[in-house]
Amino acid sequence: MLTPVPTAGGVLRAPVPDDLPALAALCAAHALFERSGPLPDDLATRLGPALFDEPARLGCLVAESDDRLVGYATYTRDFSTWSASEYVHLDCLFVGEPHRGAGWGRLLLDAVVAAARASGATEVQWQTPRWNRDAVRFYDRTGARRHSKTRYVLPLTARAPHTPGP
């Protein structure tokens, strides 16, 4: 568990259940920023068990300024077949306007990296849209290496995919 980290502009900390509505609002702002579809109306309720049940399935850090959440990072542990080792997948890192450029993104990323190291993971992996040039520049400055792949999503709530016949 992250001990709250005071900063010049607020605090970086682990979320608490009372943060769920504000966290869901940040997730919605993030999805809108990334030109994604709408999120479930009950996102806050659905995030609760992933964050707070034991064992937690989702790691999360929030950036708080003036008693408001201004950013968040979420991550999970995963396994790489090719390296036969565990890594941390940074699922989301988002800082809302007008708080970008104030160092929150770097604080969140550094805290995720520290959590990954503490867990014994060998690396942190993530993705960002190619069109998000500010994020690409930010991540390039961290020393991370780019890997080019195309991400696919296959919804399992839709009809079954076509299976080839004989």
C-alpha atoms as a PDB file:
ATOM      1  CA  MET A   1       0.000   0.000   0.000  1.00  0.00           C
ATOM      2  CA  LEU A   2       1.335   3.413  -0.959  1.00  0.00           C
ATOM      3  CA  THR A   3       2.029   5.786   1.894  1.00  0.00           C
ATOM      4  CA  PRO A   4       0.591   9.158   0.833  1.00  0.00           C
ATOM      5  CA  VAL A   5       3.277  11.221  -0.899  1.00  0.00           C
ATOM      6  CA  PRO A   6       2.881  14.958  -0.297  1.00  0.00           C
ATOM      7  CA  THR A   7       3.770  17.122  -3.276  1.00  0.00           C
ATOM      8  CA  ALA A   8       3.894  20.866  -3.863  1.00  0.00           C
ATOM      9  CA  GLY A   9       0.419  20.717  -5.394  1.00  0.00           C
ATOM     10  CA  GLY A  10      -1.295  18.043  -3.280  1.00  0.00           C
ATOM     11  CA  VAL A  11      -0.814  14.372  -2.521  1.00  0.00           C
ATOM     12  CA  LEU A  12      -0.309  11.090  -4.359  1.00  0.00           C
ATOM     13  CA  ARG A  13      -2.063   8.219  -2.580  1.00  0.00           C
ATOM     14  CA  ALA A  14      -3.990   4.979  -2.842  1.00  0.00           C
ATOM     15  CA  PRO A  15      -7.724   5.439  -3.404  1.00  0.00           C
ATOM     16  CA  VAL A  16     -10.350   4.848  -0.736  1.00  0.00           C
ATOM     17  CA  PRO A  17     -13.940   3.708  -1.393  1.00  0.00           C
ATOM     18  CA  ASP A  18     -15.245   7.285  -1.110  1.00  0.00           C
ATOM     19  CA  ASP A  19     -13.068   8.153  -4.159  1.00  0.00           C
ATOM     20  CA  LEU A  20     -14.978   5.819  -6.495  1.00  0.00           C
ATOM     21  CA  PRO A  21     -17.380   8.440  -7.978  1.00  0.00           C
ATOM     22  CA  ALA A  22     -14.523  10.898  -8.646  1.00  0.00           C
ATOM     23  CA  LEU A  23     -12.315   8.104 -10.004  1.00  0.00           C
ATOM     24  CA  ALA A  24     -15.097   6.980 -12.351  1.00  0.00           C
ATOM     25  CA  ALA A  25     -15.478  10.596 -13.521  1.00  0.00           C
ATOM     26  CA  LEU A  26     -11.733  10.747 -14.276  1.00  0.00           C
ATOM     27  CA  CYS A  27     -12.019   7.448 -16.173  1.00  0.00           C
ATOM     28  CA  ALA A  28     -14.861   8.922 -18.223  1.00  0.00           C
ATOM     29  CA  ALA A  29     -12.796  12.047 -18.963  1.00  0.00           C
ATOM     30  CA  HIS A  30      -9.894   9.790 -19.974  1.00  0.00           C
ATOM     31  CA  ALA A  31     -12.097   7.732 -22.312  1.00  0.00           C
ATOM     32  CA  LEU A  32     -13.465  10.922 -23.880  1.00  0.00           C
ATOM     33  CA  PHE A  33      -9.929  12.295 -24.308  1.00  0.00           C
ATOM     34  CA  GLU A  34      -8.838   9.070 -26.024  1.00  0.00           C
ATOM     35  CA  ARG A  35     -11.886   9.163 -28.316  1.00  0.00           C
ATOM     36  CA  SER A  36     -13.260   5.940 -26.882  1.00  0.00           C
ATOM     37  CA  GLY A  37     -16.848   4.884 -26.441  1.00  0.00           C
ATOM     38  CA  PRO A  38     -18.915   5.636 -23.351  1.00  0.00           C
ATOM     39  CA  LEU A  39     -18.128   3.818 -20.123  1.00  0.00           C
ATOM     40  CA  PRO A  40     -20.700   1.834 -18.115  1.00  0.00           C
ATOM     41  CA  ASP A  41     -23.001   4.000 -15.992  1.00  0.00           C
ATOM     42  CA  ASP A  42     -22.184   1.831 -12.976  1.00  0.00           C
ATOM     43  CA  LEU A  43     -18.390   2.061 -13.415  1.00  0.00           C
ATOM     44  CA  ALA A  44     -17.776   3.253  -9.836  1.00  0.00           C
ATOM     45  CA  THR A  45     -19.698   0.274  -8.460  1.00  0.00           C
ATOM     46  CA  ARG A  46     -17.888  -2.145 -10.760  1.00  0.00           C
ATOM     47  CA  LEU A  47     -14.436  -0.764  -9.898  1.00  0.00           C
ATOM     48  CA  GLY A  48     -14.984  -1.192  -6.160  1.00  0.00           C
ATOM     49  CA  PRO A  49     -14.439  -4.962  -5.944  1.00  0.00           C
ATOM     50  CA  ALA A  50     -11.446  -4.861  -8.315  1.00  0.00           C
ATOM     51  CA  LEU A  51      -9.774  -2.241  -6.124  1.00  0.00           C
ATOM     52  CA  PHE A  52     -10.819  -3.185  -2.602  1.00  0.00           C
ATOM     53  CA  ASP A  53     -11.604  -6.919  -2.428  1.00  0.00           C
ATOM     54  CA  GLU A  54      -8.777  -9.183  -1.272  1.00  0.00           C
ATOM     55  CA  PRO A  55      -6.805  -9.932  -3.224  1.00  0.00           C
ATOM     56  CA  ALA A  56      -7.192  -6.748  -5.264  1.00  0.00           C
ATOM     57  CA  ARG A  57      -7.179  -7.352  -9.016  1.00  0.00           C
ATOM     58  CA  LEU A  58      -6.375  -3.746  -9.862  1.00  0.00           C
ATOM     59  CA  GLY A  59      -3.692  -1.468  -8.466  1.00  0.00           C
ATOM     60  CA  CYS A  60      -4.543   2.209  -8.417  1.00  0.00           C
ATOM     61  CA  LEU A  61      -2.935   5.492  -7.404  1.00  0.00           C
ATOM     62  CA  VAL A  62      -4.683   8.840  -7.361  1.00  0.00           C
ATOM     63  CA  ALA A  63      -3.367  12.383  -7.500  1.00  0.00           C
ATOM     64  CA  GLU A  64      -5.269  14.770  -5.255  1.00  0.00           C
ATOM     65  CA  SER A  65      -5.092  18.558  -5.279  1.00  0.00           C
ATOM     66  CA  ASP A  66      -7.302  20.908  -3.259  1.00  0.00           C
ATOM     67  CA  ASP A  67      -9.339  17.916  -2.024  1.00  0.00           C
ATOM     68  CA  ARG A  68     -10.152  16.841  -5.622  1.00  0.00           C
ATOM     69  CA  LEU A  69      -8.838  13.924  -7.644  1.00  0.00           C
ATOM     70  CA  VAL A  70      -6.929  15.347 -10.627  1.00  0.00           C
ATOM     71  CA  GLY A  71      -5.324  12.190 -12.008  1.00  0.00           C
ATOM     72  CA  TYR A  72      -4.964   8.461 -11.639  1.00  0.00           C
ATOM     73  CA  ALA A  73      -2.945   5.448 -12.703  1.00  0.00           C
ATOM     74  CA  THR A  74      -4.198   1.866 -12.746  1.00  0.00           C
ATOM     75  CA  TYR A  75      -2.179  -1.281 -13.256  1.00  0.00           C
ATOM     76  CA  THR A  76      -2.299  -5.059 -13.127  1.00  0.00           C
ATOM     77  CA  ARG A  77       0.228  -7.879 -12.952  1.00  0.00           C
ATOM     78  CA  ASP A  78       0.619 -10.051 -16.000  1.00  0.00           C
ATOM     79  CA  PHE A  79       2.926 -12.740 -17.346  1.00  0.00           C
ATOM     80  CA  SER A  80       5.107 -12.599 -20.444  1.00  0.00           C
ATOM     81  CA  THR A  81       5.470 -15.886 -22.272  1.00  0.00           C
ATOM     82  CA  TRP A  82       8.498 -14.676 -24.239  1.00  0.00           C
ATOM     83  CA  SER A  83      10.522 -13.675 -21.185  1.00  0.00           C
ATOM     84  CA  ALA A  84       8.862 -16.197 -18.835  1.00  0.00           C
ATOM     85  CA  SER A  85       8.517 -13.476 -16.208  1.00  0.00           C
ATOM     86  CA  GLU A  86       5.929 -11.304 -14.534  1.00  0.00           C
ATOM     87  CA  TYR A  87       5.476  -7.692 -15.509  1.00  0.00           C
ATOM     88  CA  VAL A  88       3.166  -4.849 -14.573  1.00  0.00           C
ATOM     89  CA  HIS A  89       0.744  -3.596 -17.212  1.00  0.00           C
ATOM     90  CA  LEU A  90       0.032   0.113 -16.790  1.00  0.00           C
ATOM     91  CA  ASP A  91      -3.580   0.140 -17.926  1.00  0.00           C
ATOM     92  CA  CYS A  92      -4.320   3.841 -17.516  1.00  0.00           C
ATOM     93  CA  LEU A  93      -2.403   6.977 -16.653  1.00  0.00           C
ATOM     94  CA  PHE A  94      -4.413  10.181 -16.912  1.00  0.00           C
ATOM     95  CA  VAL A  95      -4.140  13.703 -15.569  1.00  0.00           C
ATOM     96  CA  GLY A  96      -7.028  16.042 -16.232  1.00  0.00           C
ATOM     97  CA  GLU A  97      -6.838  19.596 -17.466  1.00  0.00           C
ATOM     98  CA  PRO A  98      -5.618  22.038 -16.162  1.00  0.00           C
ATOM     99  CA  HIS A  99      -3.251  19.880 -14.083  1.00  0.00           C
ATOM    100  CA  ARG A 100      -1.168  18.531 -16.973  1.00  0.00           C
ATOM    101  CA  GLY A 101       2.422  19.693 -17.072  1.00  0.00           C
ATOM    102  CA  ALA A 102       2.581  20.074 -13.283  1.00  0.00           C
ATOM    103  CA  GLY A 103       4.494  16.817 -12.690  1.00  0.00           C
ATOM    104  CA  TRP A 104       1.551  14.605 -11.735  1.00  0.00           C
ATOM    105  CA  GLY A 105       2.066  12.207 -14.644  1.00  0.00           C
ATOM    106  CA  ARG A 106       5.687  11.592 -13.714  1.00  0.00           C
ATOM    107  CA  LEU A 107       4.786  11.113 -10.038  1.00  0.00           C
ATOM    108  CA  LEU A 108       2.104   8.581 -10.958  1.00  0.00           C
ATOM    109  CA  LEU A 109       4.390   6.709 -13.357  1.00  0.00           C
ATOM    110  CA  ASP A 110       7.254   6.656 -10.845  1.00  0.00           C
ATOM    111  CA  ALA A 111       4.924   5.274  -8.166  1.00  0.00           C
ATOM    112  CA  VAL A 112       3.714   2.504 -10.501  1.00  0.00           C
ATOM    113  CA  VAL A 113       7.338   1.657 -11.346  1.00  0.00           C
ATOM    114  CA  ALA A 114       8.164   1.511  -7.622  1.00  0.00           C
ATOM    115  CA  ALA A 115       5.190  -0.798  -6.990  1.00  0.00           C
ATOM    116  CA  ALA A 116       6.279  -3.006  -9.902  1.00  0.00           C
ATOM    117  CA  ARG A 117       9.815  -3.259  -8.530  1.00  0.00           C
ATOM    118  CA  ALA A 118       8.539  -4.038  -5.041  1.00  0.00           C
ATOM    119  CA  SER A 119       6.398  -6.861  -6.450  1.00  0.00           C
ATOM    120  CA  GLY A 120       9.353  -8.441  -8.243  1.00  0.00           C
ATOM    121  CA  ALA A 121       8.116  -7.631 -11.749  1.00  0.00           C
ATOM    122  CA  THR A 122      10.782  -7.400 -14.434  1.00  0.00           C
ATOM    123  CA  GLU A 123       9.260  -4.505 -16.389  1.00  0.00           C
ATOM    124  CA  VAL A 124       6.307  -2.195 -16.873  1.00  0.00           C
ATOM    125  CA  GLN A 125       4.426  -2.208 -20.185  1.00  0.00           C
ATOM    126  CA  TRP A 126       1.769   0.150 -21.506  1.00  0.00           C
ATOM    127  CA  GLN A 127       0.366   1.695 -24.652  1.00  0.00           C
ATOM    128  CA  THR A 128      -0.858   5.074 -25.785  1.00  0.00           C
ATOM    129  CA  PRO A 129      -2.576   6.216 -28.967  1.00  0.00           C
ATOM    130  CA  ARG A 130      -0.107   7.247 -31.670  1.00  0.00           C
ATOM    131  CA  TRP A 131      -1.951  10.525 -32.177  1.00  0.00           C
ATOM    132  CA  ASN A 132      -1.358  11.531 -28.520  1.00  0.00           C
ATOM    133  CA  ARG A 133       1.938  13.296 -29.225  1.00  0.00           C
ATOM    134  CA  ASP A 134       2.175  14.820 -25.730  1.00  0.00           C
ATOM    135  CA  ALA A 135       1.974  11.367 -24.143  1.00  0.00           C
ATOM    136  CA  VAL A 136       4.456   9.932 -26.650  1.00  0.00           C
ATOM    137  CA  ARG A 137       6.948  12.715 -25.827  1.00  0.00           C
ATOM    138  CA  PHE A 138       6.363  12.210 -22.099  1.00  0.00           C
ATOM    139  CA  TYR A 139       6.970   8.459 -22.314  1.00  0.00           C
ATOM    140  CA  ASP A 140       9.999   8.896 -24.585  1.00  0.00           C
ATOM    141  CA  ARG A 141      11.567  11.136 -21.920  1.00  0.00           C
ATOM    142  CA  THR A 142      11.206   8.367 -19.314  1.00  0.00           C
ATOM    143  CA  GLY A 143      13.635   6.145 -21.187  1.00  0.00           C
ATOM    144  CA  ALA A 144      10.951   3.623 -22.132  1.00  0.00           C
ATOM    145  CA  ARG A 145      11.353   1.847 -25.490  1.00  0.00           C
ATOM    146  CA  ARG A 146       8.576   1.876 -28.058  1.00  0.00           C
ATOM    147  CA  HIS A 147       7.239  -1.393 -29.435  1.00  0.00           C
ATOM    148  CA  SER A 148       4.962  -1.183 -32.430  1.00  0.00           C
ATOM    149  CA  LYS A 149       1.859  -3.359 -32.294  1.00  0.00           C
ATOM    150  CA  THR A 150      -1.807  -2.977 -33.059  1.00  0.00           C
ATOM    151  CA  ARG A 151      -4.188  -3.597 -30.177  1.00  0.00           C
ATOM    152  CA  TYR A 152      -7.339  -5.616 -30.796  1.00  0.00           C
ATOM    153  CA  VAL A 153     -10.413  -5.923 -28.605  1.00  0.00           C
ATOM    154  CA  LEU A 154     -12.921  -8.741 -29.076  1.00  0.00           C
ATOM    155  CA  PRO A 155     -16.085  -8.074 -27.053  1.00  0.00           C
ATOM    156  CA  LEU A 156     -17.391 -11.282 -25.527  1.00  0.00           C
ATOM    157  CA  THR A 157     -20.876  -9.916 -24.907  1.00  0.00           C
ATOM    158  CA  ALA A 158     -21.594  -9.704 -28.644  1.00  0.00           C
ATOM    159  CA  ARG A 159     -22.523 -12.586 -30.887  1.00  0.00           C
ATOM    160  CA  ALA A 160     -20.042 -15.426 -31.147  1.00  0.00           C
ATOM    161  CA  PRO A 161     -17.304 -14.902 -33.729  1.00  0.00           C
ATOM    162  CA  HIS A 162     -17.633 -16.709 -37.022  1.00  0.00           C
ATOM    163  CA  THR A 163     -16.015 -20.113 -37.010  1.00  0.00           C
ATOM    164  CA  PRO A 164     -14.895 -21.548 -40.317  1.00  0.00           C
ATOM    165  CA  GLY A 165     -16.932 -24.496 -41.537  1.00  0.00           C
ATOM    166  CA  PRO A 166     -15.717 -27.721 -43.112  1.00  0.00           C
END
